[in-house]
């Protein structure tokens, strides 16, 4: 009886560990929202300067930049710089 209970628990543990998210497995953060409404991601960066990047671009932009066409991902300015992004010449002409 003890062996079958142990085997059952071991199988449950293995199944649940295999179902883990790839993001979590890679050390990422999963944000759970209690409602189905979209989360305002800029709230997470409340004390930081927010800039916008694209999936494949090498620049960071202000929110209303006309160069942001297909995607607009909010990130902190610090994160954009750490990722090697450079300022957009239209948004930040003095930089």
C-alpha atoms as a PDB file:
ATOM      1  CA  UNK A   1       0.000   0.000   0.000  1.00  0.00           C
ATOM      2  CA  UNK A   2       2.788   2.418   0.928  1.00  0.00           C
ATOM      3  CA  UNK A   3       4.684   1.658  -2.285  1.00  0.00           C
ATOM      4  CA  UNK A   4       1.678   2.324  -4.508  1.00  0.00           C
ATOM      5  CA  UNK A   5       0.889   5.585  -2.683  1.00  0.00           C
ATOM      6  CA  UNK A   6       4.507   6.686  -3.030  1.00  0.00           C
ATOM      7  CA  UNK A   7       4.495   5.795  -6.745  1.00  0.00           C
ATOM      8  CA  UNK A   8       1.244   7.724  -7.262  1.00  0.00           C
ATOM      9  CA  UNK A   9       2.622  10.827  -5.518  1.00  0.00           C
ATOM     10  CA  UNK A  10       5.851  10.606  -7.502  1.00  0.00           C
ATOM     11  CA  UNK A  11       3.910  10.453 -10.770  1.00  0.00           C
ATOM     12  CA  UNK A  12       1.816  13.474  -9.738  1.00  0.00           C
ATOM     13  CA  UNK A  13       4.920  15.488  -8.894  1.00  0.00           C
ATOM     14  CA  UNK A  14       6.537  14.619 -12.216  1.00  0.00           C
ATOM     15  CA  UNK A  15       3.405  15.507 -14.188  1.00  0.00           C
ATOM     16  CA  UNK A  16       3.015  18.868 -12.455  1.00  0.00           C
ATOM     17  CA  UNK A  17       6.681  19.756 -12.841  1.00  0.00           C
ATOM     18  CA  UNK A  18       6.518  18.946 -16.566  1.00  0.00           C
ATOM     19  CA  UNK A  19       3.554  21.301 -16.966  1.00  0.00           C
ATOM     20  CA  UNK A  20       5.521  24.355 -15.794  1.00  0.00           C
ATOM     21  CA  UNK A  21       5.678  27.375 -18.060  1.00  0.00           C
ATOM     22  CA  UNK A  22       8.770  27.859 -20.216  1.00  0.00           C
ATOM     23  CA  UNK A  23       8.938  31.449 -19.016  1.00  0.00           C
ATOM     24  CA  UNK A  24       9.163  30.348 -15.393  1.00  0.00           C
ATOM     25  CA  UNK A  25      11.673  27.620 -16.252  1.00  0.00           C
ATOM     26  CA  UNK A  26      13.909  30.258 -17.848  1.00  0.00           C
ATOM     27  CA  UNK A  27      13.732  32.511 -14.802  1.00  0.00           C
ATOM     28  CA  UNK A  28      11.117  34.896 -16.199  1.00  0.00           C
ATOM     29  CA  UNK A  29       8.247  36.484 -14.341  1.00  0.00           C
ATOM     30  CA  UNK A  30       4.629  35.556 -14.864  1.00  0.00           C
ATOM     31  CA  UNK A  31       2.130  38.234 -13.874  1.00  0.00           C
ATOM     32  CA  UNK A  32      -1.274  36.865 -12.941  1.00  0.00           C
ATOM     33  CA  UNK A  33      -4.225  39.169 -13.300  1.00  0.00           C
ATOM     34  CA  UNK A  34      -7.408  38.436 -11.358  1.00  0.00           C
ATOM     35  CA  UNK A  35      -9.590  39.916 -14.113  1.00  0.00           C
ATOM     36  CA  UNK A  36      -9.708  39.354 -17.841  1.00  0.00           C
ATOM     37  CA  UNK A  37      -8.995  43.030 -18.488  1.00  0.00           C
ATOM     38  CA  UNK A  38      -5.577  43.936 -19.927  1.00  0.00           C
ATOM     39  CA  UNK A  39      -2.939  44.913 -17.404  1.00  0.00           C
ATOM     40  CA  UNK A  40      -1.455  48.420 -17.587  1.00  0.00           C
ATOM     41  CA  UNK A  41       2.200  47.420 -17.854  1.00  0.00           C
ATOM     42  CA  UNK A  42       3.399  50.984 -17.307  1.00  0.00           C
ATOM     43  CA  UNK A  43       2.140  50.709 -13.716  1.00  0.00           C
ATOM     44  CA  UNK A  44       4.986  48.294 -13.051  1.00  0.00           C
ATOM     45  CA  UNK A  45       7.460  50.992 -14.064  1.00  0.00           C
ATOM     46  CA  UNK A  46       5.919  53.696 -11.865  1.00  0.00           C
ATOM     47  CA  UNK A  47       9.232  55.201 -10.730  1.00  0.00           C
ATOM     48  CA  UNK A  48      11.128  54.783 -13.983  1.00  0.00           C
ATOM     49  CA  UNK A  49      11.266  56.526 -17.345  1.00  0.00           C
ATOM     50  CA  UNK A  50       9.279  54.543 -19.905  1.00  0.00           C
ATOM     51  CA  UNK A  51      10.369  54.205 -23.520  1.00  0.00           C
ATOM     52  CA  UNK A  52       9.043  51.992 -26.288  1.00  0.00           C
ATOM     53  CA  UNK A  53      10.855  49.432 -28.386  1.00  0.00           C
ATOM     54  CA  UNK A  54       9.864  47.111 -31.215  1.00  0.00           C
ATOM     55  CA  UNK A  55      10.429  43.383 -31.439  1.00  0.00           C
ATOM     56  CA  UNK A  56      13.262  43.663 -33.941  1.00  0.00           C
ATOM     57  CA  UNK A  57      14.364  47.301 -33.746  1.00  0.00           C
ATOM     58  CA  UNK A  58      17.609  48.680 -32.347  1.00  0.00           C
ATOM     59  CA  UNK A  59      16.228  52.024 -31.099  1.00  0.00           C
ATOM     60  CA  UNK A  60      14.040  53.183 -28.239  1.00  0.00           C
ATOM     61  CA  UNK A  61      11.279  55.719 -28.774  1.00  0.00           C
ATOM     62  CA  UNK A  62       8.785  57.999 -27.068  1.00  0.00           C
ATOM     63  CA  UNK A  63       5.174  56.810 -27.013  1.00  0.00           C
ATOM     64  CA  UNK A  64       3.944  58.983 -29.897  1.00  0.00           C
ATOM     65  CA  UNK A  65       6.867  58.410 -32.294  1.00  0.00           C
ATOM     66  CA  UNK A  66       5.798  57.915 -35.914  1.00  0.00           C
ATOM     67  CA  UNK A  67       8.540  55.300 -36.363  1.00  0.00           C
ATOM     68  CA  UNK A  68       6.606  52.940 -34.085  1.00  0.00           C
ATOM     69  CA  UNK A  69       4.354  51.234 -36.583  1.00  0.00           C
ATOM     70  CA  UNK A  70       3.967  47.498 -36.140  1.00  0.00           C
ATOM     71  CA  UNK A  71       4.769  46.968 -32.474  1.00  0.00           C
ATOM     72  CA  UNK A  72       5.178  49.118 -29.402  1.00  0.00           C
ATOM     73  CA  UNK A  73       6.571  47.421 -26.288  1.00  0.00           C
ATOM     74  CA  UNK A  74       6.909  49.518 -23.106  1.00  0.00           C
ATOM     75  CA  UNK A  75      10.175  49.030 -21.197  1.00  0.00           C
ATOM     76  CA  UNK A  76      12.156  51.081 -18.742  1.00  0.00           C
ATOM     77  CA  UNK A  77      14.818  53.352 -20.199  1.00  0.00           C
ATOM     78  CA  UNK A  78      17.400  51.492 -18.127  1.00  0.00           C
ATOM     79  CA  UNK A  79      16.345  48.147 -19.613  1.00  0.00           C
ATOM     80  CA  UNK A  80      16.449  49.512 -23.164  1.00  0.00           C
ATOM     81  CA  UNK A  81      19.989  50.809 -22.635  1.00  0.00           C
ATOM     82  CA  UNK A  82      21.080  47.496 -21.063  1.00  0.00           C
ATOM     83  CA  UNK A  83      19.746  45.700 -24.131  1.00  0.00           C
ATOM     84  CA  UNK A  84      21.974  47.880 -26.323  1.00  0.00           C
ATOM     85  CA  UNK A  85      19.181  50.017 -27.776  1.00  0.00           C
ATOM     86  CA  UNK A  86      20.094  53.502 -28.977  1.00  0.00           C
ATOM     87  CA  UNK A  87      17.832  56.599 -28.864  1.00  0.00           C
ATOM     88  CA  UNK A  88      15.639  57.325 -31.875  1.00  0.00           C
ATOM     89  CA  UNK A  89      16.931  60.353 -33.770  1.00  0.00           C
ATOM     90  CA  UNK A  90      13.388  61.750 -34.144  1.00  0.00           C
ATOM     91  CA  UNK A  91      12.325  61.292 -30.503  1.00  0.00           C
ATOM     92  CA  UNK A  92      15.650  62.197 -28.897  1.00  0.00           C
ATOM     93  CA  UNK A  93      17.398  64.556 -31.342  1.00  0.00           C
ATOM     94  CA  UNK A  94      19.828  65.889 -28.713  1.00  0.00           C
ATOM     95  CA  UNK A  95      21.091  62.480 -27.540  1.00  0.00           C
END
